[in-house]
PDB file of N, CA and C in Angstrom:
ATOM      1  N   UNK A   1       3.359  -2.872 -14.112  1.00  0.00           N
ATOM      2  CA  UNK A   1       3.194  -4.028 -14.548  1.00  0.00           C
ATOM      3  C   UNK A   1       2.749  -3.536 -16.448  1.00  0.00           C
ATOM      4  N   UNK A   2       1.843  -2.959 -15.993  1.00  0.00           N
ATOM      5  CA  UNK A   2       0.897  -2.367 -16.810  1.00  0.00           C
ATOM      6  C   UNK A   2       2.015  -1.313 -17.989  1.00  0.00           C
ATOM      7  N   UNK A   3       2.481  -0.476 -17.740  1.00  0.00           N
ATOM      8  CA  UNK A   3       3.318  -0.241 -18.548  1.00  0.00           C
ATOM      9  C   UNK A   3       4.293  -1.384 -19.862  1.00  0.00           C
ATOM     10  N   UNK A   4       4.563  -2.284 -18.616  1.00  0.00           N
ATOM     11  CA  UNK A   4       5.380  -4.092 -19.993  1.00  0.00           C
ATOM     12  C   UNK A   4       4.250  -4.407 -20.696  1.00  0.00           C
ATOM     13  N   UNK A   5       2.726  -4.274 -19.828  1.00  0.00           N
ATOM     14  CA  UNK A   5       2.041  -4.796 -21.056  1.00  0.00           C
ATOM     15  C   UNK A   5       1.473  -4.227 -22.178  1.00  0.00           C
ATOM     16  N   UNK A   6       1.903  -3.158 -21.624  1.00  0.00           N
ATOM     17  CA  UNK A   6       1.484  -2.099 -22.798  1.00  0.00           C
ATOM     18  C   UNK A   6       2.019  -2.275 -24.234  1.00  0.00           C
ATOM     19  N   UNK A   7       3.497  -2.487 -23.711  1.00  0.00           N
ATOM     20  CA  UNK A   7       5.061  -2.453 -24.410  1.00  0.00           C
ATOM     21  C   UNK A   7       5.146  -3.268 -25.493  1.00  0.00           C
ATOM     22  N   UNK A   8       4.486  -4.433 -24.986  1.00  0.00           N
ATOM     23  CA  UNK A   8       4.414  -5.892 -25.057  1.00  0.00           C
ATOM     24  C   UNK A   8       3.341  -5.835 -25.961  1.00  0.00           C
ATOM     25  N   UNK A   9       2.037  -5.585 -25.282  1.00  0.00           N
ATOM     26  CA  UNK A   9       1.349  -5.507 -26.749  1.00  0.00           C
ATOM     27  C   UNK A   9       1.470  -4.391 -27.843  1.00  0.00           C
ATOM     28  N   UNK A  10       2.325  -3.199 -27.882  1.00  0.00           N
ATOM     29  CA  UNK A  10       2.996  -3.189 -28.943  1.00  0.00           C
ATOM     30  C   UNK A  10       3.552  -3.607 -29.617  1.00  0.00           C
ATOM     31  N   UNK A  11       4.885  -3.938 -29.344  1.00  0.00           N
ATOM     32  CA  UNK A  11       5.285  -5.341 -30.125  1.00  0.00           C
ATOM     33  C   UNK A  11       4.730  -6.719 -30.978  1.00  0.00           C
ATOM     34  N   UNK A  12       3.708  -6.682 -29.856  1.00  0.00           N
ATOM     35  CA  UNK A  12       2.809  -7.596 -31.356  1.00  0.00           C
ATOM     36  C   UNK A  12       2.337  -7.410 -32.583  1.00  0.00           C
ATOM     37  N   UNK A  13       1.614  -5.806 -31.642  1.00  0.00           N
ATOM     38  CA  UNK A  13       0.501  -5.487 -33.340  1.00  0.00           C
ATOM     39  C   UNK A  13       2.062  -5.016 -34.482  1.00  0.00           C
ATOM     40  N   UNK A  14       3.381  -4.661 -33.942  1.00  0.00           N
ATOM     41  CA  UNK A  14       3.813  -3.327 -34.928  1.00  0.00           C
ATOM     42  C   UNK A  14       5.366  -4.802 -34.896  1.00  0.00           C
ATOM     43  N   UNK A  15       5.120  -6.012 -35.299  1.00  0.00           N
ATOM     44  CA  UNK A  15       5.426  -7.204 -35.451  1.00  0.00           C
ATOM     45  C   UNK A  15       5.238  -7.799 -36.208  1.00  0.00           C
ATOM     46  N   UNK A  16       3.626  -8.450 -36.305  1.00  0.00           N
ATOM     47  CA  UNK A  16       2.963  -8.868 -36.837  1.00  0.00           C
ATOM     48  C   UNK A  16       2.604  -8.342 -37.937  1.00  0.00           C
ATOM     49  N   UNK A  17       1.454  -6.841 -37.743  1.00  0.00           N
ATOM     50  CA  UNK A  17       1.080  -5.860 -38.591  1.00  0.00           C
ATOM     51  C   UNK A  17       2.971  -5.843 -39.828  1.00  0.00           C
ATOM     52  N   UNK A  18       3.948  -5.903 -39.516  1.00  0.00           N
ATOM     53  CA  UNK A  18       4.961  -5.806 -40.189  1.00  0.00           C
ATOM     54  C   UNK A  18       4.778  -4.510 -41.033  1.00  0.00           C
ATOM     55  N   UNK A  19       4.574  -3.220 -39.247  1.00  0.00           N
ATOM     56  CA  UNK A  19       4.846  -2.223 -39.714  1.00  0.00           C
ATOM     57  C   UNK A  19       7.127  -1.882 -38.803  1.00  0.00           C
ATOM     58  N   UNK A  20       7.471  -2.216 -38.469  1.00  0.00           N
ATOM     59  CA  UNK A  20       8.617  -2.539 -38.180  1.00  0.00           C
ATOM     60  C   UNK A  20       9.518  -3.001 -37.920  1.00  0.00           C
ATOM     61  N   UNK A  21      10.229  -3.338 -37.207  1.00  0.00           N
ATOM     62  CA  UNK A  21      11.281  -4.625 -37.018  1.00  0.00           C
ATOM     63  C   UNK A  21      11.864  -4.665 -35.728  1.00  0.00           C
ATOM     64  N   UNK A  22      12.419  -5.385 -34.431  1.00  0.00           N
ATOM     65  CA  UNK A  22      13.023  -5.107 -33.504  1.00  0.00           C
ATOM     66  C   UNK A  22      13.161  -3.798 -33.548  1.00  0.00           C
ATOM     67  N   UNK A  23      14.366  -4.223 -33.705  1.00  0.00           N
ATOM     68  CA  UNK A  23      15.301  -3.464 -33.463  1.00  0.00           C
ATOM     69  C   UNK A  23      15.226  -1.604 -33.301  1.00  0.00           C
ATOM     70  N   UNK A  24      13.687  -1.896 -34.558  1.00  0.00           N
ATOM     71  CA  UNK A  24      13.230  -0.446 -34.591  1.00  0.00           C
ATOM     72  C   UNK A  24      12.009  -0.035 -34.117  1.00  0.00           C
ATOM     73  N   UNK A  25      11.963  -1.128 -32.988  1.00  0.00           N
ATOM     74  CA  UNK A  25      10.897  -1.037 -31.575  1.00  0.00           C
ATOM     75  C   UNK A  25      11.373  -0.543 -30.411  1.00  0.00           C
ATOM     76  N   UNK A  26      13.247  -0.899 -30.697  1.00  0.00           N
ATOM     77  CA  UNK A  26      14.269  -0.878 -29.054  1.00  0.00           C
ATOM     78  C   UNK A  26      13.739   0.234 -29.007  1.00  0.00           C
ATOM     79  N   UNK A  27      14.654   0.700 -30.594  1.00  0.00           N
ATOM     80  CA  UNK A  27      15.333   1.878 -30.640  1.00  0.00           C
ATOM     81  C   UNK A  27      14.005   2.915 -30.085  1.00  0.00           C
ATOM     82  N   UNK A  28      12.645   2.817 -31.152  1.00  0.00           N
ATOM     83  CA  UNK A  28      11.961   4.223 -30.639  1.00  0.00           C
ATOM     84  C   UNK A  28      11.743   4.087 -29.771  1.00  0.00           C
ATOM     85  N   UNK A  29      11.431   3.005 -28.284  1.00  0.00           N
ATOM     86  CA  UNK A  29      11.345   2.532 -26.960  1.00  0.00           C
ATOM     87  C   UNK A  29      12.471   3.388 -25.811  1.00  0.00           C
ATOM     88  N   UNK A  30      13.333   3.034 -26.854  1.00  0.00           N
ATOM     89  CA  UNK A  30      14.105   3.567 -26.063  1.00  0.00           C
ATOM     90  C   UNK A  30      15.051   5.519 -25.718  1.00  0.00           C
ATOM     91  N   UNK A  31      14.282   5.969 -26.631  1.00  0.00           N
ATOM     92  CA  UNK A  31      14.644   7.055 -27.881  1.00  0.00           C
ATOM     93  C   UNK A  31      14.626   8.195 -26.996  1.00  0.00           C
ATOM     94  N   UNK A  32      13.266   7.785 -26.293  1.00  0.00           N
ATOM     95  CA  UNK A  32      13.044   9.229 -25.040  1.00  0.00           C
ATOM     96  C   UNK A  32      13.465   9.044 -23.336  1.00  0.00           C
ATOM     97  N   UNK A  33      13.972   7.771 -23.215  1.00  0.00           N
ATOM     98  CA  UNK A  33      14.229   7.074 -21.796  1.00  0.00           C
ATOM     99  C   UNK A  33      14.978   8.030 -20.986  1.00  0.00           C
ATOM    100  N   UNK A  34      14.152   8.247 -20.196  1.00  0.00           N
ATOM    101  CA  UNK A  34      15.443   9.779 -19.857  1.00  0.00           C
ATOM    102  C   UNK A  34      15.548   9.199 -17.548  1.00  0.00           C
ATOM    103  N   UNK A  35      16.585   8.829 -18.053  1.00  0.00           N
ATOM    104  CA  UNK A  35      17.020   7.875 -15.652  1.00  0.00           C
ATOM    105  C   UNK A  35      15.967   8.902 -15.164  1.00  0.00           C
ATOM    106  N   UNK A  36      16.560   9.971 -15.382  1.00  0.00           N
ATOM    107  CA  UNK A  36      15.990  10.883 -14.487  1.00  0.00           C
ATOM    108  C   UNK A  36      14.801  11.456 -13.906  1.00  0.00           C
ATOM    109  N   UNK A  37      14.140  10.569 -15.064  1.00  0.00           N
ATOM    110  CA  UNK A  37      12.626  10.601 -15.174  1.00  0.00           C
ATOM    111  C   UNK A  37      12.643   9.532 -13.713  1.00  0.00           C
ATOM    112  N   UNK A  38      12.724   8.557 -14.755  1.00  0.00           N
ATOM    113  CA  UNK A  38      12.284   7.266 -13.402  1.00  0.00           C
ATOM    114  C   UNK A  38      12.781   7.394 -12.078  1.00  0.00           C
ATOM    115  N   UNK A  39      13.481   8.159 -12.034  1.00  0.00           N
ATOM    116  CA  UNK A  39      14.560   7.910 -10.477  1.00  0.00           C
ATOM    117  C   UNK A  39      13.561   9.339  -9.865  1.00  0.00           C
ATOM    118  N   UNK A  40      12.838  10.089 -10.397  1.00  0.00           N
ATOM    119  CA  UNK A  40      12.245  11.194  -9.298  1.00  0.00           C
ATOM    120  C   UNK A  40      10.881  10.657  -9.771  1.00  0.00           C
ATOM    121  N   UNK A  41       9.916  10.196 -10.817  1.00  0.00           N
ATOM    122  CA  UNK A  41       9.214   8.283 -10.569  1.00  0.00           C
ATOM    123  C   UNK A  41       9.379   7.530  -9.053  1.00  0.00           C
ATOM    124  N   UNK A  42       9.651   7.324  -9.222  1.00  0.00           N
ATOM    125  CA  UNK A  42       9.911   6.258  -8.017  1.00  0.00           C
ATOM    126  C   UNK A  42      10.185   6.731  -6.278  1.00  0.00           C
ATOM    127  N   UNK A  43      10.852   8.821  -6.540  1.00  0.00           N
ATOM    128  CA  UNK A  43      11.057   8.872  -4.760  1.00  0.00           C
ATOM    129  C   UNK A  43       9.837  10.066  -4.666  1.00  0.00           C
ATOM    130  N   UNK A  44       9.564  10.175  -6.037  1.00  0.00           N
ATOM    131  CA  UNK A  44       7.633  10.560  -5.733  1.00  0.00           C
ATOM    132  C   UNK A  44       6.958   9.793  -4.706  1.00  0.00           C
ATOM    133  N   UNK A  45       7.059   8.268  -5.282  1.00  0.00           N
ATOM    134  CA  UNK A  45       5.694   7.510  -5.728  1.00  0.00           C
ATOM    135  C   UNK A  45       6.201   6.429  -4.484  1.00  0.00           C
ATOM    136  N   UNK A  46       7.208   6.503  -3.318  1.00  0.00           N
ATOM    137  CA  UNK A  46       7.803   6.170  -1.954  1.00  0.00           C
ATOM    138  C   UNK A  46       7.357   7.197  -0.894  1.00  0.00           C
ATOM    139  N   UNK A  47       7.437   8.853  -1.523  1.00  0.00           N
ATOM    140  CA  UNK A  47       7.335  10.202  -0.663  1.00  0.00           C
ATOM    141  C   UNK A  47       5.686   9.785  -0.284  1.00  0.00           C
ATOM    142  N   UNK A  48       4.715   9.098  -1.380  1.00  0.00           N
ATOM    143  CA  UNK A  48       3.614   9.518  -1.476  1.00  0.00           C
ATOM    144  C   UNK A  48       2.821   8.398  -0.099  1.00  0.00           C
ATOM    145  N   UNK A  49       3.109   7.273  -0.774  1.00  0.00           N
ATOM    146  CA  UNK A  49       2.516   6.398   0.153  1.00  0.00           C
ATOM    147  C   UNK A  49       2.364   6.726   1.505  1.00  0.00           C
ATOM    148  N   UNK A  50       4.089   7.041   2.328  1.00  0.00           N
ATOM    149  CA  UNK A  50       4.470   7.815   3.005  1.00  0.00           C
ATOM    150  C   UNK A  50       3.571   8.769   2.948  1.00  0.00           C
ATOM    151  N   UNK A  51       3.688   9.513   3.162  1.00  0.00           N
ATOM    152  CA  UNK A  51       2.226   9.952   3.480  1.00  0.00           C
ATOM    153  C   UNK A  51       0.615  10.000   4.139  1.00  0.00           C
ATOM    154  N   UNK A  52       0.271   8.598   2.361  1.00  0.00           N
ATOM    155  CA  UNK A  52      -0.843   8.439   2.844  1.00  0.00           C
ATOM    156  C   UNK A  52      -0.806   7.575   3.738  1.00  0.00           C
ATOM    157  N   UNK A  53       0.261   6.866   4.554  1.00  0.00           N
ATOM    158  CA  UNK A  53       0.231   5.535   5.336  1.00  0.00           C
ATOM    159  C   UNK A  53       0.165   6.128   6.532  1.00  0.00           C
ATOM    160  N   UNK A  54       1.053   7.298   6.720  1.00  0.00           N
ATOM    161  CA  UNK A  54       0.875   8.641   8.048  1.00  0.00           C
ATOM    162  C   UNK A  54      -0.325   8.742   8.540  1.00  0.00           C
ATOM    163  N   UNK A  55      -0.697   9.821   7.557  1.00  0.00           N
ATOM    164  CA  UNK A  55      -2.379  10.264   7.597  1.00  0.00           C
ATOM    165  C   UNK A  55      -3.428   9.458   7.870  1.00  0.00           C
ATOM    166  N   UNK A  56      -3.587   8.299   6.954  1.00  0.00           N
ATOM    167  CA  UNK A  56      -4.355   7.884   7.638  1.00  0.00           C
ATOM    168  C   UNK A  56      -4.157   7.042   9.309  1.00  0.00           C
ATOM    169  N   UNK A  57      -2.842   6.791   9.284  1.00  0.00           N
ATOM    170  CA  UNK A  57      -2.880   6.015  10.079  1.00  0.00           C
ATOM    171  C   UNK A  57      -2.808   6.834  11.624  1.00  0.00           C
ATOM    172  N   UNK A  58      -2.730   8.392  11.196  1.00  0.00           N
ATOM    173  CA  UNK A  58      -3.194   9.081  12.603  1.00  0.00           C
ATOM    174  C   UNK A  58      -4.078   9.457  13.026  1.00  0.00           C
ATOM    175  N   UNK A  59      -5.444   9.476  11.404  1.00  0.00           N
ATOM    176  CA  UNK A  59      -6.914   9.556  11.905  1.00  0.00           C
ATOM    177  C   UNK A  59      -7.302   8.140  12.373  1.00  0.00           C
ATOM    178  N   UNK A  60      -6.871   6.817  11.605  1.00  0.00           N
ATOM    179  CA  UNK A  60      -7.414   6.024  12.947  1.00  0.00           C
ATOM    180  C   UNK A  60      -6.958   5.848  13.365  1.00  0.00           C
ATOM    181  N   UNK A  61      -6.163   6.094  14.228  1.00  0.00           N
ATOM    182  CA  UNK A  61      -5.503   6.133  15.560  1.00  0.00           C
ATOM    183  C   UNK A  61      -6.416   6.700  17.243  1.00  0.00           C
ATOM    184  N   UNK A  62      -5.998   8.136  15.842  1.00  0.00           N
ATOM    185  CA  UNK A  62      -6.949   9.385  17.261  1.00  0.00           C
ATOM    186  C   UNK A  62      -8.844   9.355  17.321  1.00  0.00           C
ATOM    187  N   UNK A  63      -9.020   9.189  16.024  1.00  0.00           N
ATOM    188  CA  UNK A  63     -10.799   8.136  16.007  1.00  0.00           C
ATOM    189  C   UNK A  63     -11.023   8.086  17.228  1.00  0.00           C
ATOM    190  N   UNK A  64     -12.818   8.526  18.245  1.00  0.00           N
ATOM    191  CA  UNK A  64     -12.862   8.345  19.099  1.00  0.00           C
ATOM    192  C   UNK A  64     -14.532   8.130  18.110  1.00  0.00           C
ATOM    193  N   UNK A  65     -15.221   7.329  19.657  1.00  0.00           N
ATOM    194  CA  UNK A  65     -16.861   6.685  19.365  1.00  0.00           C
ATOM    195  C   UNK A  65     -17.071   5.450  17.937  1.00  0.00           C
ATOM    196  N   UNK A  66     -18.078   5.724  17.550  1.00  0.00           N
ATOM    197  CA  UNK A  66     -18.765   4.449  16.720  1.00  0.00           C
ATOM    198  C   UNK A  66     -18.274   4.866  15.535  1.00  0.00           C
ATOM    199  N   UNK A  67     -19.594   4.463  15.083  1.00  0.00           N
ATOM    200  CA  UNK A  67     -19.422   4.356  12.800  1.00  0.00           C
ATOM    201  C   UNK A  67     -19.003   4.683  12.178  1.00  0.00           C
ATOM    202  N   UNK A  68     -19.863   5.984  12.921  1.00  0.00           N
ATOM    203  CA  UNK A  68     -20.065   7.569  11.942  1.00  0.00           C
ATOM    204  C   UNK A  68     -18.508   8.288  12.704  1.00  0.00           C
ATOM    205  N   UNK A  69     -18.016   7.711  13.464  1.00  0.00           N
ATOM    206  CA  UNK A  69     -16.697   8.851  13.763  1.00  0.00           C
ATOM    207  C   UNK A  69     -15.791   7.999  13.034  1.00  0.00           C
ATOM    208  N   UNK A  70     -15.763   7.307  12.419  1.00  0.00           N
ATOM    209  CA  UNK A  70     -14.999   6.894  11.425  1.00  0.00           C
ATOM    210  C   UNK A  70     -14.966   6.679  10.318  1.00  0.00           C
ATOM    211  N   UNK A  71     -16.042   6.626  10.269  1.00  0.00           N
ATOM    212  CA  UNK A  71     -16.617   7.307   8.425  1.00  0.00           C
ATOM    213  C   UNK A  71     -15.946   8.819   8.850  1.00  0.00           C
ATOM    214  N   UNK A  72     -16.250   9.399   9.952  1.00  0.00           N
ATOM    215  CA  UNK A  72     -15.267  11.058   9.201  1.00  0.00           C
ATOM    216  C   UNK A  72     -13.527  11.726   9.273  1.00  0.00           C
ATOM    217  N   UNK A  73     -13.768  10.543  10.088  1.00  0.00           N
ATOM    218  CA  UNK A  73     -12.121   9.480  10.652  1.00  0.00           C
ATOM    219  C   UNK A  73     -11.263   9.812   8.443  1.00  0.00           C
ATOM    220  N   UNK A  74     -11.763   8.936   8.348  1.00  0.00           N
ATOM    221  CA  UNK A  74     -11.417   8.408   6.978  1.00  0.00           C
ATOM    222  C   UNK A  74     -11.786   9.868   5.756  1.00  0.00           C
ATOM    223  N   UNK A  75     -13.155   9.803   5.454  1.00  0.00           N
ATOM    224  CA  UNK A  75     -12.286  11.230   5.435  1.00  0.00           C
ATOM    225  C   UNK A  75     -11.413  12.187   5.221  1.00  0.00           C
ATOM    226  N   UNK A  76     -11.532  12.675   6.250  1.00  0.00           N
ATOM    227  CA  UNK A  76     -10.818  13.634   6.070  1.00  0.00           C
ATOM    228  C   UNK A  76      -9.865  12.719   6.238  1.00  0.00           C
ATOM    229  N   UNK A  77      -9.239  11.559   6.218  1.00  0.00           N
ATOM    230  CA  UNK A  77      -7.734  11.446   5.746  1.00  0.00           C
ATOM    231  C   UNK A  77      -7.246  11.134   3.935  1.00  0.00           C
ATOM    232  N   UNK A  78      -8.726  10.383   3.731  1.00  0.00           N
ATOM    233  CA  UNK A  78      -8.559  11.276   2.330  1.00  0.00           C
ATOM    234  C   UNK A  78      -8.127  11.436   1.474  1.00  0.00           C
ATOM    235  N   UNK A  79      -8.816  13.008   2.223  1.00  0.00           N
ATOM    236  CA  UNK A  79      -9.211  15.342   1.585  1.00  0.00           C
ATOM    237  C   UNK A  79      -7.876  15.054   2.597  1.00  0.00           C
ATOM    238  N   UNK A  80      -7.215  15.122   3.353  1.00  0.00           N
ATOM    239  CA  UNK A  80      -6.192  15.532   3.526  1.00  0.00           C
ATOM    240  C   UNK A  80      -4.644  14.760   3.217  1.00  0.00           C
ATOM    241  N   UNK A  81      -4.895  13.563   3.187  1.00  0.00           N
ATOM    242  CA  UNK A  81      -4.450  13.297   2.072  1.00  0.00           C
ATOM    243  C   UNK A  81      -3.466  13.275   1.002  1.00  0.00           C
ATOM    244  N   UNK A  82      -4.437  13.942  -0.045  1.00  0.00           N
ATOM    245  CA  UNK A  82      -5.036  14.370  -1.530  1.00  0.00           C
ATOM    246  C   UNK A  82      -4.272  15.382  -1.615  1.00  0.00           C
ATOM    247  N   UNK A  83      -4.430  16.220  -0.669  1.00  0.00           N
ATOM    248  CA  UNK A  83      -3.797  18.095  -0.297  1.00  0.00           C
ATOM    249  C   UNK A  83      -2.179  17.313  -0.188  1.00  0.00           C
ATOM    250  N   UNK A  84      -1.749  16.926   0.530  1.00  0.00           N
ATOM    251  CA  UNK A  84       0.077  16.209   0.836  1.00  0.00           C
ATOM    252  C   UNK A  84      -0.879  15.478  -0.126  1.00  0.00           C
ATOM    253  N   UNK A  85      -0.383  15.188  -0.844  1.00  0.00           N
ATOM    254  CA  UNK A  85       0.034  14.921  -2.570  1.00  0.00           C
ATOM    255  C   UNK A  85       0.506  15.451  -3.290  1.00  0.00           C
ATOM    256  N   UNK A  86      -0.567  17.078  -2.913  1.00  0.00           N
ATOM    257  CA  UNK A  86      -0.790  17.894  -4.430  1.00  0.00           C
ATOM    258  C   UNK A  86       0.491  18.735  -4.028  1.00  0.00           C
ATOM    259  N   UNK A  87       0.261  19.134  -2.322  1.00  0.00           N
ATOM    260  CA  UNK A  87       1.934  19.889  -1.930  1.00  0.00           C
ATOM    261  C   UNK A  87       2.950  19.281  -2.028  1.00  0.00           C
ATOM    262  N   UNK A  88       3.335  18.356  -1.085  1.00  0.00           N
ATOM    263  CA  UNK A  88       4.827  17.473  -2.175  1.00  0.00           C
ATOM    264  C   UNK A  88       4.681  16.975  -3.573  1.00  0.00           C
ATOM    265  N   UNK A  89       3.714  17.028  -4.224  1.00  0.00           N
ATOM    266  CA  UNK A  89       4.245  17.005  -5.608  1.00  0.00           C
ATOM    267  C   UNK A  89       4.622  17.441  -5.940  1.00  0.00           C
ATOM    268  N   UNK A  90       4.276  19.151  -6.274  1.00  0.00           N
ATOM    269  CA  UNK A  90       5.363  20.233  -5.885  1.00  0.00           C
ATOM    270  C   UNK A  90       6.311  20.658  -6.209  1.00  0.00           C
ATOM    271  N   UNK A  91       6.617  20.205  -4.557  1.00  0.00           N
ATOM    272  CA  UNK A  91       7.711  20.604  -3.991  1.00  0.00           C
ATOM    273  C   UNK A  91       8.807  19.742  -4.228  1.00  0.00           C
ATOM    274  N   UNK A  92       8.257  18.136  -4.341  1.00  0.00           N
ATOM    275  CA  UNK A  92      10.039  17.116  -5.273  1.00  0.00           C
ATOM    276  C   UNK A  92       9.978  18.380  -6.506  1.00  0.00           C
ATOM    277  N   UNK A  93       9.263  18.211  -7.389  1.00  0.00           N
ATOM    278  CA  UNK A  93       9.602  18.402  -8.593  1.00  0.00           C
ATOM    279  C   UNK A  93      10.121  20.061  -8.314  1.00  0.00           C
ATOM    280  N   UNK A  94       9.980  20.897  -8.126  1.00  0.00           N
ATOM    281  CA  UNK A  94      10.592  21.473  -7.813  1.00  0.00           C
ATOM    282  C   UNK A  94      11.904  21.239  -7.004  1.00  0.00           C
ATOM    283  N   UNK A  95      12.244  20.765  -6.464  1.00  0.00           N
ATOM    284  CA  UNK A  95      13.590  20.301  -5.386  1.00  0.00           C
ATOM    285  C   UNK A  95      14.153  18.922  -6.988  1.00  0.00           C
ATOM    286  N   UNK A  96      13.230  18.207  -7.342  1.00  0.00           N
ATOM    287  CA  UNK A  96      14.530  17.885  -8.141  1.00  0.00           C
ATOM    288  C   UNK A  96      15.027  17.947  -9.650  1.00  0.00           C
ATOM    289  N   UNK A  97      13.912  18.894 -10.289  1.00  0.00           N
ATOM    290  CA  UNK A  97      13.545  19.412 -11.717  1.00  0.00           C
ATOM    291  C   UNK A  97      14.813  20.491 -12.087  1.00  0.00           C
ATOM    292  N   UNK A  98      15.128  21.132 -11.086  1.00  0.00           N
ATOM    293  CA  UNK A  98      15.815  22.362 -11.457  1.00  0.00           C
ATOM    294  C   UNK A  98      16.081  22.272 -12.582  1.00  0.00           C
TER     295      UNK A  98
END
């Protein structure tokens, strides 16, 4: 949704300033659109969401003790999720963008 808002604001600024026509704006917006990049973005975001969920649930399920242990498990889940996302980002990019 953020990208849509950004383009909508860009359209408004372009038309109100008279810098370009609607047709020129559309052409410029679509000039560098590549469907493969969109597919890679969707695949990566789904994989990252799955990784984040699995790691956080795993850490939360096996935590024992009180509030201190819950905090430690949260920290472990955060660190492990970030590392896993970095590793899988490289792997997915290497596989899909060959």
